[in-house]
């Protein structure tokens, strides 16, 4: 079953199995995982389960970044795709794929 791995400060803090349902991303009380940061809308983005996969849809006023691009239209998620919301990185993982180690992405101060 696909899942979302949530990272902050390049450290994994929660895994969320998608269970064939829509998932709201944001800081509001109706979100699957609340992301407490003022740069994130209460209902920032939605991952919609549709026949054939999961689709990311931006619902914010500031935009949602998928991999290296700002999301312009609903886009089908592919294994390993990265969603960037404020200081959070959310990685779409298929099945039982091990979580990624992002510690090597931390830049020296």
PDB file of N, CA and C in Angstrom:
ATOM      1  N   UNK A   1       0.846  -1.184   0.000  1.00  0.00           N
ATOM      2  CA  UNK A   1       0.000   0.000   0.000  1.00  0.00           C
ATOM      3  C   UNK A   1       0.888   1.244   0.000  1.00  0.00           C
ATOM      4  N   UNK A   2       0.652   2.187  -0.901  1.00  0.00           N
ATOM      5  CA  UNK A   2       1.462   3.416  -0.937  1.00  0.00           C
ATOM      6  C   UNK A   2       1.342   4.206   0.374  1.00  0.00           C
ATOM      7  N   UNK A   3       2.371   5.008   0.625  1.00  0.00           N
ATOM      8  CA  UNK A   3       2.378   5.809   1.853  1.00  0.00           C
ATOM      9  C   UNK A   3       3.070   7.138   1.593  1.00  0.00           C
ATOM     10  N   UNK A   4       2.912   8.038   2.536  1.00  0.00           N
ATOM     11  CA  UNK A   4       3.625   9.306   2.544  1.00  0.00           C
ATOM     12  C   UNK A   4       4.586   9.283   3.718  1.00  0.00           C
ATOM     13  N   UNK A   5       5.842   9.619   3.472  1.00  0.00           N
ATOM     14  CA  UNK A   5       6.836   9.781   4.531  1.00  0.00           C
ATOM     15  C   UNK A   5       7.045  11.275   4.732  1.00  0.00           C
ATOM     16  N   UNK A   6       6.816  11.757   5.952  1.00  0.00           N
ATOM     17  CA  UNK A   6       6.931  13.176   6.290  1.00  0.00           C
ATOM     18  C   UNK A   6       8.263  13.426   6.992  1.00  0.00           C
ATOM     19  N   UNK A   7       8.992  14.441   6.494  1.00  0.00           N
ATOM     20  CA  UNK A   7      10.290  14.812   7.058  1.00  0.00           C
ATOM     21  C   UNK A   7      10.273  16.280   7.463  1.00  0.00           C
ATOM     22  N   UNK A   8      10.957  16.569   8.560  1.00  0.00           N
ATOM     23  CA  UNK A   8      11.260  17.945   8.931  1.00  0.00           C
ATOM     24  C   UNK A   8      12.708  17.957   9.400  1.00  0.00           C
ATOM     25  N   UNK A   9      13.433  18.996   9.066  1.00  0.00           N
ATOM     26  CA  UNK A   9      14.872  19.067   9.349  1.00  0.00           C
ATOM     27  C   UNK A   9      15.583  17.817   8.833  1.00  0.00           C
ATOM     28  N   UNK A  10      15.125  17.295   7.700  1.00  0.00           N
ATOM     29  CA  UNK A  10      15.698  16.129   7.037  1.00  0.00           C
ATOM     30  C   UNK A  10      15.593  14.847   7.864  1.00  0.00           C
ATOM     31  N   UNK A  11      14.685  14.832   8.850  1.00  0.00           N
ATOM     32  CA  UNK A  11      14.471  13.651   9.685  1.00  0.00           C
ATOM     33  C   UNK A  11      13.035  13.181   9.532  1.00  0.00           C
ATOM     34  N   UNK A  12      12.881  11.880   9.357  1.00  0.00           N
ATOM     35  CA  UNK A  12      11.558  11.276   9.236  1.00  0.00           C
ATOM     36  C   UNK A  12      10.816  11.405  10.554  1.00  0.00           C
ATOM     37  N   UNK A  13       9.570  11.936  10.508  1.00  0.00           N
ATOM     38  CA  UNK A  13       8.815  12.017  11.755  1.00  0.00           C
ATOM     39  C   UNK A  13       7.485  11.283  11.722  1.00  0.00           C
ATOM     40  N   UNK A  14       6.973  10.927  10.554  1.00  0.00           N
ATOM     41  CA  UNK A  14       5.753  10.122  10.515  1.00  0.00           C
ATOM     42  C   UNK A  14       5.615   9.470   9.142  1.00  0.00           C
ATOM     43  N   UNK A  15       5.022   8.264   9.147  1.00  0.00           N
ATOM     44  CA  UNK A  15       4.662   7.566   7.911  1.00  0.00           C
ATOM     45  C   UNK A  15       3.143   7.434   7.915  1.00  0.00           C
ATOM     46  N   UNK A  16       2.523   7.706   6.770  1.00  0.00           N
ATOM     47  CA  UNK A  16       1.069   7.650   6.663  1.00  0.00           C
ATOM     48  C   UNK A  16       0.685   6.757   5.489  1.00  0.00           C
ATOM     49  N   UNK A  17       0.044   5.621   5.780  1.00  0.00           N
ATOM     50  CA  UNK A  17      -0.463   4.754   4.717  1.00  0.00           C
ATOM     51  C   UNK A  17      -1.668   5.418   4.086  1.00  0.00           C
ATOM     52  N   UNK A  18      -1.739   5.397   2.761  1.00  0.00           N
ATOM     53  CA  UNK A  18      -2.805   6.118   2.059  1.00  0.00           C
ATOM     54  C   UNK A  18      -4.148   5.399   2.061  1.00  0.00           C
ATOM     55  N   UNK A  19      -4.171   4.102   2.122  1.00  0.00           N
ATOM     56  CA  UNK A  19      -5.403   3.325   2.275  1.00  0.00           C
ATOM     57  C   UNK A  19      -6.500   3.671   1.277  1.00  0.00           C
ATOM     58  N   UNK A  20      -6.112   3.980   0.048  1.00  0.00           N
ATOM     59  CA  UNK A  20      -7.073   4.222  -1.038  1.00  0.00           C
ATOM     60  C   UNK A  20      -8.103   5.303  -0.722  1.00  0.00           C
ATOM     61  N   UNK A  21      -7.661   6.380  -0.083  1.00  0.00           N
ATOM     62  CA  UNK A  21      -8.566   7.493   0.201  1.00  0.00           C
ATOM     63  C   UNK A  21      -7.849   8.812  -0.032  1.00  0.00           C
ATOM     64  N   UNK A  22      -8.629   9.885  -0.109  1.00  0.00           N
ATOM     65  CA  UNK A  22      -8.057  11.219  -0.271  1.00  0.00           C
ATOM     66  C   UNK A  22      -7.422  11.670   1.043  1.00  0.00           C
ATOM     67  N   UNK A  23      -6.328  12.436   0.926  1.00  0.00           N
ATOM     68  CA  UNK A  23      -5.609  12.926   2.098  1.00  0.00           C
ATOM     69  C   UNK A  23      -5.393  14.422   1.944  1.00  0.00           C
ATOM     70  N   UNK A  24      -5.787  15.189   2.964  1.00  0.00           N
ATOM     71  CA  UNK A  24      -5.577  16.638   2.973  1.00  0.00           C
ATOM     72  C   UNK A  24      -4.240  16.934   3.648  1.00  0.00           C
ATOM     73  N   UNK A  25      -3.442  17.795   3.022  1.00  0.00           N
ATOM     74  CA  UNK A  25      -2.171  18.244   3.582  1.00  0.00           C
ATOM     75  C   UNK A  25      -2.295  19.703   3.966  1.00  0.00           C
ATOM     76  N   UNK A  26      -1.893  20.061   5.180  1.00  0.00           N
ATOM     77  CA  UNK A  26      -1.953  21.444   5.623  1.00  0.00           C
ATOM     78  C   UNK A  26      -1.835  21.552   7.126  1.00  0.00           C
ATOM     79  N   UNK A  27      -2.193  22.724   7.651  1.00  0.00           N
ATOM     80  CA  UNK A  27      -2.076  22.932   9.096  1.00  0.00           C
ATOM     81  C   UNK A  27      -3.415  22.927   9.816  1.00  0.00           C
ATOM     82  N   UNK A  28      -4.517  22.759   9.089  1.00  0.00           N
ATOM     83  CA  UNK A  28      -5.849  22.779   9.683  1.00  0.00           C
ATOM     84  C   UNK A  28      -6.197  21.502  10.430  1.00  0.00           C
ATOM     85  N   UNK A  29      -7.243  21.565  11.241  1.00  0.00           N
ATOM     86  CA  UNK A  29      -7.627  20.413  12.059  1.00  0.00           C
ATOM     87  C   UNK A  29      -8.129  19.214  11.262  1.00  0.00           C
ATOM     88  N   UNK A  30      -8.558  19.379  10.023  1.00  0.00           N
ATOM     89  CA  UNK A  30      -9.050  18.261   9.226  1.00  0.00           C
ATOM     90  C   UNK A  30      -7.975  17.535   8.438  1.00  0.00           C
ATOM     91  N   UNK A  31      -6.724  17.900   8.651  1.00  0.00           N
ATOM     92  CA  UNK A  31      -5.626  17.311   7.878  1.00  0.00           C
ATOM     93  C   UNK A  31      -5.182  15.981   8.495  1.00  0.00           C
ATOM     94  N   UNK A  32      -4.707  15.082   7.637  1.00  0.00           N
ATOM     95  CA  UNK A  32      -4.242  13.773   8.098  1.00  0.00           C
ATOM     96  C   UNK A  32      -3.082  13.923   9.085  1.00  0.00           C
ATOM     97  N   UNK A  33      -2.151  14.799   8.777  1.00  0.00           N
ATOM     98  CA  UNK A  33      -1.043  15.147   9.664  1.00  0.00           C
ATOM     99  C   UNK A  33      -0.979  16.670   9.655  1.00  0.00           C
ATOM    100  N   UNK A  34      -1.179  17.297  10.816  1.00  0.00           N
ATOM    101  CA  UNK A  34      -1.135  18.767  10.869  1.00  0.00           C
ATOM    102  C   UNK A  34       0.314  19.230  10.798  1.00  0.00           C
ATOM    103  N   UNK A  35       0.570  20.190   9.912  1.00  0.00           N
ATOM    104  CA  UNK A  35       1.904  20.730   9.705  1.00  0.00           C
ATOM    105  C   UNK A  35       1.916  22.166  10.223  1.00  0.00           C
ATOM    106  N   UNK A  36       2.335  22.364  11.471  1.00  0.00           N
ATOM    107  CA  UNK A  36       2.227  23.674  12.121  1.00  0.00           C
ATOM    108  C   UNK A  36       3.287  24.679  11.670  1.00  0.00           C
ATOM    109  N   UNK A  37       2.994  25.354  10.585  1.00  0.00           N
ATOM    110  CA  UNK A  37       3.890  26.383  10.072  1.00  0.00           C
ATOM    111  C   UNK A  37       3.028  27.409   9.347  1.00  0.00           C
ATOM    112  N   UNK A  38       3.243  28.692   9.638  1.00  0.00           N
ATOM    113  CA  UNK A  38       2.394  29.739   9.057  1.00  0.00           C
ATOM    114  C   UNK A  38       2.514  29.865   7.545  1.00  0.00           C
ATOM    115  N   UNK A  39       3.572  29.296   6.972  1.00  0.00           N
ATOM    116  CA  UNK A  39       3.729  29.335   5.512  1.00  0.00           C
ATOM    117  C   UNK A  39       2.833  28.310   4.820  1.00  0.00           C
ATOM    118  N   UNK A  40       2.214  27.461   5.591  1.00  0.00           N
ATOM    119  CA  UNK A  40       1.370  26.399   5.053  1.00  0.00           C
ATOM    120  C   UNK A  40      -0.091  26.754   5.289  1.00  0.00           C
ATOM    121  N   UNK A  41      -0.897  26.656   4.237  1.00  0.00           N
ATOM    122  CA  UNK A  41      -2.329  26.942   4.346  1.00  0.00           C
ATOM    123  C   UNK A  41      -3.011  25.886   5.207  1.00  0.00           C
ATOM    124  N   UNK A  42      -4.170  26.258   5.747  1.00  0.00           N
ATOM    125  CA  UNK A  42      -4.935  25.285   6.535  1.00  0.00           C
ATOM    126  C   UNK A  42      -5.267  24.053   5.702  1.00  0.00           C
ATOM    127  N   UNK A  43      -5.597  24.274   4.460  1.00  0.00           N
ATOM    128  CA  UNK A  43      -5.857  23.193   3.499  1.00  0.00           C
ATOM    129  C   UNK A  43      -4.975  23.498   2.293  1.00  0.00           C
ATOM    130  N   UNK A  44      -3.734  23.056   2.352  1.00  0.00           N
ATOM    131  CA  UNK A  44      -2.718  23.458   1.390  1.00  0.00           C
ATOM    132  C   UNK A  44      -2.798  22.655   0.093  1.00  0.00           C
ATOM    133  N   UNK A  45      -2.917  21.343   0.227  1.00  0.00           N
ATOM    134  CA  UNK A  45      -2.962  20.469  -0.946  1.00  0.00           C
ATOM    135  C   UNK A  45      -3.753  19.209  -0.595  1.00  0.00           C
ATOM    136  N   UNK A  46      -4.183  18.503  -1.638  1.00  0.00           N
ATOM    137  CA  UNK A  46      -4.914  17.252  -1.440  1.00  0.00           C
ATOM    138  C   UNK A  46      -4.292  16.191  -2.335  1.00  0.00           C
ATOM    139  N   UNK A  47      -4.149  15.012  -1.771  1.00  0.00           N
ATOM    140  CA  UNK A  47      -3.762  13.858  -2.571  1.00  0.00           C
ATOM    141  C   UNK A  47      -5.039  13.060  -2.769  1.00  0.00           C
ATOM    142  N   UNK A  48      -5.437  12.953  -4.033  1.00  0.00           N
ATOM    143  CA  UNK A  48      -6.699  12.285  -4.362  1.00  0.00           C
ATOM    144  C   UNK A  48      -6.428  10.888  -4.925  1.00  0.00           C
ATOM    145  N   UNK A  49      -7.152   9.923  -4.371  1.00  0.00           N
ATOM    146  CA  UNK A  49      -7.060   8.559  -4.889  1.00  0.00           C
ATOM    147  C   UNK A  49      -8.030   8.431  -6.048  1.00  0.00           C
ATOM    148  N   UNK A  50      -7.509   8.056  -7.194  1.00  0.00           N
ATOM    149  CA  UNK A  50      -8.316   7.866  -8.386  1.00  0.00           C
ATOM    150  C   UNK A  50      -7.922   6.534  -8.998  1.00  0.00           C
ATOM    151  N   UNK A  51      -8.770   6.028  -9.862  1.00  0.00           N
ATOM    152  CA  UNK A  51      -8.443   4.792 -10.549  1.00  0.00           C
ATOM    153  C   UNK A  51      -7.090   4.968 -11.239  1.00  0.00           C
ATOM    154  N   UNK A  52      -6.193   4.080 -10.963  1.00  0.00           N
ATOM    155  CA  UNK A  52      -4.879   4.157 -11.595  1.00  0.00           C
ATOM    156  C   UNK A  52      -3.834   4.903 -10.803  1.00  0.00           C
ATOM    157  N   UNK A  53      -4.161   5.425  -9.627  1.00  0.00           N
ATOM    158  CA  UNK A  53      -3.122   6.061  -8.830  1.00  0.00           C
ATOM    159  C   UNK A  53      -3.586   7.177  -7.932  1.00  0.00           C
ATOM    160  N   UNK A  54      -2.609   7.972  -7.505  1.00  0.00           N
ATOM    161  CA  UNK A  54      -2.829   9.097  -6.603  1.00  0.00           C
ATOM    162  C   UNK A  54      -2.396  10.371  -7.311  1.00  0.00           C
ATOM    163  N   UNK A  55      -3.178  11.423  -7.139  1.00  0.00           N
ATOM    164  CA  UNK A  55      -2.948  12.701  -7.811  1.00  0.00           C
ATOM    165  C   UNK A  55      -2.796  13.797  -6.767  1.00  0.00           C
ATOM    166  N   UNK A  56      -1.803  14.666  -6.958  1.00  0.00           N
ATOM    167  CA  UNK A  56      -1.581  15.806  -6.072  1.00  0.00           C
ATOM    168  C   UNK A  56      -2.230  17.046  -6.678  1.00  0.00           C
ATOM    169  N   UNK A  57      -3.002  17.743  -5.848  1.00  0.00           N
ATOM    170  CA  UNK A  57      -3.705  18.952  -6.283  1.00  0.00           C
ATOM    171  C   UNK A  57      -3.424  20.077  -5.291  1.00  0.00           C
ATOM    172  N   UNK A  58      -2.930  21.194  -5.783  1.00  0.00           N
ATOM    173  CA  UNK A  58      -2.659  22.366  -4.943  1.00  0.00           C
ATOM    174  C   UNK A  58      -3.966  23.083  -4.616  1.00  0.00           C
ATOM    175  N   UNK A  59      -4.126  23.499  -3.353  1.00  0.00           N
ATOM    176  CA  UNK A  59      -5.302  24.268  -2.954  1.00  0.00           C
ATOM    177  C   UNK A  59      -4.905  25.507  -2.163  1.00  0.00           C
ATOM    178  N   UNK A  60      -3.645  25.876  -2.226  1.00  0.00           N
ATOM    179  CA  UNK A  60      -3.140  26.992  -1.436  1.00  0.00           C
ATOM    180  C   UNK A  60      -3.080  28.275  -2.262  1.00  0.00           C
ATOM    181  N   UNK A  61      -2.821  29.371  -1.567  1.00  0.00           N
ATOM    182  CA  UNK A  61      -2.626  30.638  -2.264  1.00  0.00           C
ATOM    183  C   UNK A  61      -1.148  30.846  -2.627  1.00  0.00           C
ATOM    184  N   UNK A  62      -0.253  30.102  -1.972  1.00  0.00           N
ATOM    185  CA  UNK A  62       1.181  30.282  -2.187  1.00  0.00           C
ATOM    186  C   UNK A  62       1.799  29.213  -3.073  1.00  0.00           C
ATOM    187  N   UNK A  63       1.067  28.168  -3.407  1.00  0.00           N
ATOM    188  CA  UNK A  63       1.568  27.131  -4.294  1.00  0.00           C
ATOM    189  C   UNK A  63       2.182  25.953  -3.570  1.00  0.00           C
ATOM    190  N   UNK A  64       2.292  24.874  -4.316  1.00  0.00           N
ATOM    191  CA  UNK A  64       2.875  23.626  -3.830  1.00  0.00           C
ATOM    192  C   UNK A  64       3.928  23.201  -4.833  1.00  0.00           C
ATOM    193  N   UNK A  65       5.075  22.788  -4.314  1.00  0.00           N
ATOM    194  CA  UNK A  65       6.153  22.346  -5.197  1.00  0.00           C
ATOM    195  C   UNK A  65       6.200  20.828  -5.212  1.00  0.00           C
ATOM    196  N   UNK A  66       6.261  20.261  -6.399  1.00  0.00           N
ATOM    197  CA  UNK A  66       6.423  18.827  -6.599  1.00  0.00           C
ATOM    198  C   UNK A  66       7.746  18.634  -7.317  1.00  0.00           C
ATOM    199  N   UNK A  67       8.668  17.943  -6.648  1.00  0.00           N
ATOM    200  CA  UNK A  67      10.028  17.765  -7.163  1.00  0.00           C
ATOM    201  C   UNK A  67      10.635  19.142  -7.430  1.00  0.00           C
ATOM    202  N   UNK A  68      11.020  19.466  -8.649  1.00  0.00           N
ATOM    203  CA  UNK A  68      11.692  20.738  -8.913  1.00  0.00           C
ATOM    204  C   UNK A  68      10.762  21.831  -9.435  1.00  0.00           C
ATOM    205  N   UNK A  69       9.458  21.555  -9.521  1.00  0.00           N
ATOM    206  CA  UNK A  69       8.545  22.517 -10.161  1.00  0.00           C
ATOM    207  C   UNK A  69       7.352  22.864  -9.280  1.00  0.00           C
ATOM    208  N   UNK A  70       6.878  24.084  -9.477  1.00  0.00           N
ATOM    209  CA  UNK A  70       5.625  24.469  -8.835  1.00  0.00           C
ATOM    210  C   UNK A  70       4.499  23.739  -9.550  1.00  0.00           C
ATOM    211  N   UNK A  71       3.552  23.250  -8.785  1.00  0.00           N
ATOM    212  CA  UNK A  71       2.434  22.494  -9.330  1.00  0.00           C
ATOM    213  C   UNK A  71       1.445  23.449  -9.985  1.00  0.00           C
ATOM    214  N   UNK A  72       1.151  23.216 -11.254  1.00  0.00           N
ATOM    215  CA  UNK A  72       0.216  24.078 -11.983  1.00  0.00           C
ATOM    216  C   UNK A  72      -1.146  23.408 -12.148  1.00  0.00           C
ATOM    217  N   UNK A  73      -1.151  22.108 -12.319  1.00  0.00           N
ATOM    218  CA  UNK A  73      -2.386  21.352 -12.494  1.00  0.00           C
ATOM    219  C   UNK A  73      -2.276  20.073 -11.667  1.00  0.00           C
ATOM    220  N   UNK A  74      -3.397  19.411 -11.367  1.00  0.00           N
ATOM    221  CA  UNK A  74      -3.300  18.131 -10.662  1.00  0.00           C
ATOM    222  C   UNK A  74      -2.350  17.188 -11.415  1.00  0.00           C
ATOM    223  N   UNK A  75      -1.471  16.549 -10.666  1.00  0.00           N
ATOM    224  CA  UNK A  75      -0.420  15.725 -11.258  1.00  0.00           C
ATOM    225  C   UNK A  75      -0.377  14.361 -10.591  1.00  0.00           C
ATOM    226  N   UNK A  76      -0.261  13.318 -11.409  1.00  0.00           N
ATOM    227  CA  UNK A  76      -0.175  11.964 -10.869  1.00  0.00           C
ATOM    228  C   UNK A  76       1.161  11.781 -10.168  1.00  0.00           C
ATOM    229  N   UNK A  77       1.109  11.220  -8.952  1.00  0.00           N
ATOM    230  CA  UNK A  77       2.323  10.962  -8.189  1.00  0.00           C
ATOM    231  C   UNK A  77       2.981   9.674  -8.657  1.00  0.00           C
ATOM    232  N   UNK A  78       4.294   9.729  -8.727  1.00  0.00           N
ATOM    233  CA  UNK A  78       5.102   8.571  -9.097  1.00  0.00           C
ATOM    234  C   UNK A  78       5.983   8.206  -7.899  1.00  0.00           C
ATOM    235  N   UNK A  79       6.383   6.935  -7.779  1.00  0.00           N
ATOM    236  CA  UNK A  79       7.223   6.529  -6.654  1.00  0.00           C
ATOM    237  C   UNK A  79       8.449   7.430  -6.498  1.00  0.00           C
ATOM    238  N   UNK A  80       8.680   7.882  -5.279  1.00  0.00           N
ATOM    239  CA  UNK A  80       9.820   8.742  -4.981  1.00  0.00           C
ATOM    240  C   UNK A  80       9.583  10.224  -5.169  1.00  0.00           C
ATOM    241  N   UNK A  81       8.413  10.618  -5.665  1.00  0.00           N
ATOM    242  CA  UNK A  81       8.117  12.044  -5.827  1.00  0.00           C
ATOM    243  C   UNK A  81       8.191  12.752  -4.479  1.00  0.00           C
ATOM    244  N   UNK A  82       8.696  13.991  -4.529  1.00  0.00           N
ATOM    245  CA  UNK A  82       8.828  14.801  -3.314  1.00  0.00           C
ATOM    246  C   UNK A  82       7.900  16.006  -3.397  1.00  0.00           C
ATOM    247  N   UNK A  83       7.144  16.181  -2.325  1.00  0.00           N
ATOM    248  CA  UNK A  83       6.238  17.317  -2.187  1.00  0.00           C
ATOM    249  C   UNK A  83       6.870  18.233  -1.141  1.00  0.00           C
ATOM    250  N   UNK A  84       7.002  19.519  -1.476  1.00  0.00           N
ATOM    251  CA  UNK A  84       7.615  20.473  -0.562  1.00  0.00           C
ATOM    252  C   UNK A  84       6.549  21.452  -0.072  1.00  0.00           C
ATOM    253  N   UNK A  85       6.348  21.475   1.247  1.00  0.00           N
ATOM    254  CA  UNK A  85       5.421  22.410   1.891  1.00  0.00           C
ATOM    255  C   UNK A  85       6.186  23.106   3.007  1.00  0.00           C
ATOM    256  N   UNK A  86       6.509  24.369   2.831  1.00  0.00           N
ATOM    257  CA  UNK A  86       7.282  25.083   3.858  1.00  0.00           C
ATOM    258  C   UNK A  86       8.537  24.293   4.190  1.00  0.00           C
ATOM    259  N   UNK A  87       8.792  24.024   5.489  1.00  0.00           N
ATOM    260  CA  UNK A  87       9.997  23.299   5.880  1.00  0.00           C
ATOM    261  C   UNK A  87       9.867  21.781   5.772  1.00  0.00           C
ATOM    262  N   UNK A  88       8.748  21.292   5.280  1.00  0.00           N
ATOM    263  CA  UNK A  88       8.483  19.857   5.242  1.00  0.00           C
ATOM    264  C   UNK A  88       8.741  19.274   3.858  1.00  0.00           C
ATOM    265  N   UNK A  89       9.259  18.055   3.859  1.00  0.00           N
ATOM    266  CA  UNK A  89       9.412  17.265   2.642  1.00  0.00           C
ATOM    267  C   UNK A  89       8.534  16.036   2.844  1.00  0.00           C
ATOM    268  N   UNK A  90       7.692  15.757   1.872  1.00  0.00           N
ATOM    269  CA  UNK A  90       6.806  14.597   1.938  1.00  0.00           C
ATOM    270  C   UNK A  90       7.119  13.741   0.722  1.00  0.00           C
ATOM    271  N   UNK A  91       7.492  12.491   0.957  1.00  0.00           N
ATOM    272  CA  UNK A  91       7.886  11.609  -0.139  1.00  0.00           C
ATOM    273  C   UNK A  91       6.822  10.535  -0.332  1.00  0.00           C
ATOM    274  N   UNK A  92       6.369  10.392  -1.580  1.00  0.00           N
ATOM    275  CA  UNK A  92       5.400   9.370  -1.961  1.00  0.00           C
ATOM    276  C   UNK A  92       6.163   8.070  -2.185  1.00  0.00           C
ATOM    277  N   UNK A  93       5.840   7.054  -1.371  1.00  0.00           N
ATOM    278  CA  UNK A  93       6.545   5.779  -1.441  1.00  0.00           C
ATOM    279  C   UNK A  93       5.571   4.657  -1.802  1.00  0.00           C
ATOM    280  N   UNK A  94       5.954   3.807  -2.717  1.00  0.00           N
ATOM    281  CA  UNK A  94       5.109   2.662  -3.042  1.00  0.00           C
ATOM    282  C   UNK A  94       5.338   1.523  -2.051  1.00  0.00           C
ATOM    283  N   UNK A  95       4.291   0.800  -1.760  1.00  0.00           N
ATOM    284  CA  UNK A  95       4.358  -0.445  -0.999  1.00  0.00           C
ATOM    285  C   UNK A  95       5.285  -0.380   0.203  1.00  0.00           C
ATOM    286  N   UNK A  96       6.184  -1.349   0.302  1.00  0.00           N
ATOM    287  CA  UNK A  96       7.055  -1.470   1.476  1.00  0.00           C
ATOM    288  C   UNK A  96       8.464  -0.934   1.234  1.00  0.00           C
ATOM    289  N   UNK A  97       8.609  -0.006   0.317  1.00  0.00           N
ATOM    290  CA  UNK A  97       9.913   0.590   0.031  1.00  0.00           C
ATOM    291  C   UNK A  97      10.456   1.219   1.319  1.00  0.00           C
ATOM    292  N   UNK A  98      11.726   0.976   1.647  1.00  0.00           N
ATOM    293  CA  UNK A  98      12.291   1.609   2.848  1.00  0.00           C
ATOM    294  C   UNK A  98      12.257   3.136   2.736  1.00  0.00           C
ATOM    295  N   UNK A  99      12.114   3.800   3.865  1.00  0.00           N
ATOM    296  CA  UNK A  99      12.146   5.262   3.895  1.00  0.00           C
ATOM    297  C   UNK A  99      13.524   5.749   3.498  1.00  0.00           C
ATOM    298  N   UNK A 100      13.572   6.931   2.901  1.00  0.00           N
ATOM    299  CA  UNK A 100      14.847   7.498   2.480  1.00  0.00           C
ATOM    300  C   UNK A 100      15.582   8.132   3.663  1.00  0.00           C
ATOM    301  N   UNK A 101      16.902   8.121   3.602  1.00  0.00           N
ATOM    302  CA  UNK A 101      17.735   8.801   4.580  1.00  0.00           C
ATOM    303  C   UNK A 101      18.123  10.142   3.978  1.00  0.00           C
ATOM    304  N   UNK A 102      17.530  11.210   4.489  1.00  0.00           N
ATOM    305  CA  UNK A 102      17.795  12.543   3.927  1.00  0.00           C
ATOM    306  C   UNK A 102      18.931  13.259   4.647  1.00  0.00           C
ATOM    307  N   UNK A 103      19.546  12.631   5.623  1.00  0.00           N
ATOM    308  CA  UNK A 103      20.589  13.311   6.402  1.00  0.00           C
ATOM    309  C   UNK A 103      21.758  13.763   5.533  1.00  0.00           C
ATOM    310  N   UNK A 104      22.010  13.091   4.427  1.00  0.00           N
ATOM    311  CA  UNK A 104      23.105  13.499   3.549  1.00  0.00           C
ATOM    312  C   UNK A 104      22.771  14.764   2.776  1.00  0.00           C
ATOM    313  N   UNK A 105      21.505  15.181   2.797  1.00  0.00           N
ATOM    314  CA  UNK A 105      21.100  16.395   2.071  1.00  0.00           C
ATOM    315  C   UNK A 105      21.266  17.647   2.903  1.00  0.00           C
ATOM    316  N   UNK A 106      21.636  17.501   4.172  1.00  0.00           N
ATOM    317  CA  UNK A 106      21.836  18.656   5.033  1.00  0.00           C
ATOM    318  C   UNK A 106      23.110  19.355   4.595  1.00  0.00           C
ATOM    319  N   UNK A 107      23.025  20.665   4.396  1.00  0.00           N
ATOM    320  CA  UNK A 107      24.193  21.410   3.959  1.00  0.00           C
ATOM    321  C   UNK A 107      24.962  21.925   5.174  1.00  0.00           C
ATOM    322  N   UNK A 108      26.249  22.065   5.034  1.00  0.00           N
ATOM    323  CA  UNK A 108      27.095  22.560   6.123  1.00  0.00           C
ATOM    324  C   UNK A 108      26.760  24.011   6.413  1.00  0.00           C
ATOM    325  N   UNK A 109      26.813  24.360   7.656  1.00  0.00           N
ATOM    326  CA  UNK A 109      26.531  25.722   8.100  1.00  0.00           C
ATOM    327  C   UNK A 109      27.758  26.580   8.037  1.00  0.00           C
TER     328      UNK A 109
END
